């Protein structure tokens, strides 16, 4: 139960990390489907540590794909 809660909170923090990194011009790629035990061994983490996700962060070589979202001005008006 505690691990589920901790992972849930970490996903919220992960969302803010991704937003903050993207706003600073970095590209991010959250990854699931990795082997946590192998990753813990590489980082020499203790056995009780759990890894809900890992994230690659860096500068992109290419501009990437344009997003399809509407601008804030199109969907909201502030009075």
C-alpha atoms as a PDB file:
ATOM      1  CA  UNK A   1       0.000   0.000   0.000  1.00  0.00           C
ATOM      2  CA  UNK A   2       2.768   2.460   0.927  1.00  0.00           C
ATOM      3  CA  UNK A   3       4.676   1.653  -2.251  1.00  0.00           C
ATOM      4  CA  UNK A   4       1.602   2.339  -4.407  1.00  0.00           C
ATOM      5  CA  UNK A   5       1.108   5.674  -2.669  1.00  0.00           C
ATOM      6  CA  UNK A   6       4.792   6.561  -3.057  1.00  0.00           C
ATOM      7  CA  UNK A   7       4.742   5.687  -6.754  1.00  0.00           C
ATOM      8  CA  UNK A   8       1.580   7.746  -7.238  1.00  0.00           C
ATOM      9  CA  UNK A   9       3.222  10.769  -5.622  1.00  0.00           C
ATOM     10  CA  UNK A  10       6.362  10.222  -7.688  1.00  0.00           C
ATOM     11  CA  UNK A  11       4.302  10.275 -10.902  1.00  0.00           C
ATOM     12  CA  UNK A  12       2.955  13.697  -9.902  1.00  0.00           C
ATOM     13  CA  UNK A  13       6.500  14.926  -9.256  1.00  0.00           C
ATOM     14  CA  UNK A  14       7.559  13.374 -12.568  1.00  0.00           C
ATOM     15  CA  UNK A  15       4.922  15.420 -14.386  1.00  0.00           C
ATOM     16  CA  UNK A  16       6.295  18.641 -12.895  1.00  0.00           C
ATOM     17  CA  UNK A  17       9.851  17.599 -13.734  1.00  0.00           C
ATOM     18  CA  UNK A  18       8.876  16.993 -17.370  1.00  0.00           C
ATOM     19  CA  UNK A  19       7.048  20.336 -17.600  1.00  0.00           C
ATOM     20  CA  UNK A  20       9.907  22.252 -15.980  1.00  0.00           C
ATOM     21  CA  UNK A  21      12.550  20.645 -18.197  1.00  0.00           C
ATOM     22  CA  UNK A  22      10.527  21.278 -21.363  1.00  0.00           C
ATOM     23  CA  UNK A  23       9.955  24.918 -20.349  1.00  0.00           C
ATOM     24  CA  UNK A  24      13.737  25.326 -20.050  1.00  0.00           C
ATOM     25  CA  UNK A  25      14.282  24.028 -23.586  1.00  0.00           C
ATOM     26  CA  UNK A  26      15.176  20.432 -22.765  1.00  0.00           C
ATOM     27  CA  UNK A  27      13.578  17.387 -24.339  1.00  0.00           C
ATOM     28  CA  UNK A  28      12.322  14.621 -22.071  1.00  0.00           C
ATOM     29  CA  UNK A  29      11.423  11.000 -22.480  1.00  0.00           C
ATOM     30  CA  UNK A  30       9.890   9.185 -19.498  1.00  0.00           C
ATOM     31  CA  UNK A  31      10.449   5.455 -19.720  1.00  0.00           C
ATOM     32  CA  UNK A  32       8.594   2.476 -18.358  1.00  0.00           C
ATOM     33  CA  UNK A  33       9.185  -1.186 -19.091  1.00  0.00           C
ATOM     34  CA  UNK A  34      12.773  -1.200 -17.843  1.00  0.00           C
ATOM     35  CA  UNK A  35      14.248  -3.771 -15.464  1.00  0.00           C
ATOM     36  CA  UNK A  36      14.320  -1.987 -12.078  1.00  0.00           C
ATOM     37  CA  UNK A  37      16.641  -4.541 -10.484  1.00  0.00           C
ATOM     38  CA  UNK A  38      19.214  -4.150 -13.244  1.00  0.00           C
ATOM     39  CA  UNK A  39      18.952  -0.373 -13.055  1.00  0.00           C
ATOM     40  CA  UNK A  40      19.364  -0.440  -9.252  1.00  0.00           C
ATOM     41  CA  UNK A  41      22.476  -2.578  -9.648  1.00  0.00           C
ATOM     42  CA  UNK A  42      23.992  -0.098 -12.119  1.00  0.00           C
ATOM     43  CA  UNK A  43      23.332   2.800  -9.726  1.00  0.00           C
ATOM     44  CA  UNK A  44      24.316   0.718  -6.675  1.00  0.00           C
ATOM     45  CA  UNK A  45      21.012   1.461  -4.932  1.00  0.00           C
ATOM     46  CA  UNK A  46      19.941  -0.474  -1.832  1.00  0.00           C
ATOM     47  CA  UNK A  47      17.431  -3.330  -2.222  1.00  0.00           C
ATOM     48  CA  UNK A  48      14.547  -1.469  -0.518  1.00  0.00           C
ATOM     49  CA  UNK A  49      14.543   1.293  -3.169  1.00  0.00           C
ATOM     50  CA  UNK A  50      11.844   1.127  -5.846  1.00  0.00           C
ATOM     51  CA  UNK A  51      11.956   2.793  -9.257  1.00  0.00           C
ATOM     52  CA  UNK A  52       8.568   3.675 -10.749  1.00  0.00           C
ATOM     53  CA  UNK A  53      10.067   5.346 -13.852  1.00  0.00           C
ATOM     54  CA  UNK A  54      13.245   6.728 -15.342  1.00  0.00           C
ATOM     55  CA  UNK A  55      13.601   9.846 -17.465  1.00  0.00           C
ATOM     56  CA  UNK A  56      16.023  10.808 -20.215  1.00  0.00           C
ATOM     57  CA  UNK A  57      16.585  14.573 -20.334  1.00  0.00           C
ATOM     58  CA  UNK A  58      18.748  16.418 -22.824  1.00  0.00           C
ATOM     59  CA  UNK A  59      18.973  18.859 -25.682  1.00  0.00           C
ATOM     60  CA  UNK A  60      17.334  17.706 -28.891  1.00  0.00           C
ATOM     61  CA  UNK A  61      19.327  17.483 -32.124  1.00  0.00           C
ATOM     62  CA  UNK A  62      16.228  18.074 -34.210  1.00  0.00           C
ATOM     63  CA  UNK A  63      13.224  20.348 -33.663  1.00  0.00           C
ATOM     64  CA  UNK A  64      10.848  17.392 -33.327  1.00  0.00           C
ATOM     65  CA  UNK A  65       7.166  17.346 -34.170  1.00  0.00           C
ATOM     66  CA  UNK A  66       4.949  20.390 -33.713  1.00  0.00           C
ATOM     67  CA  UNK A  67       2.272  19.910 -31.077  1.00  0.00           C
ATOM     68  CA  UNK A  68      -1.388  19.928 -32.023  1.00  0.00           C
ATOM     69  CA  UNK A  69      -2.695  21.849 -29.019  1.00  0.00           C
ATOM     70  CA  UNK A  70      -4.547  25.112 -29.376  1.00  0.00           C
ATOM     71  CA  UNK A  71      -2.921  28.241 -27.966  1.00  0.00           C
ATOM     72  CA  UNK A  72      -4.137  29.461 -24.583  1.00  0.00           C
ATOM     73  CA  UNK A  73      -5.468  32.638 -26.239  1.00  0.00           C
ATOM     74  CA  UNK A  74      -7.747  30.547 -28.443  1.00  0.00           C
ATOM     75  CA  UNK A  75      -9.341  28.530 -25.663  1.00  0.00           C
ATOM     76  CA  UNK A  76      -9.316  30.921 -22.667  1.00  0.00           C
ATOM     77  CA  UNK A  77     -10.029  34.539 -21.994  1.00  0.00           C
ATOM     78  CA  UNK A  78      -8.865  36.341 -18.876  1.00  0.00           C
ATOM     79  CA  UNK A  79     -10.980  39.228 -17.653  1.00  0.00           C
END
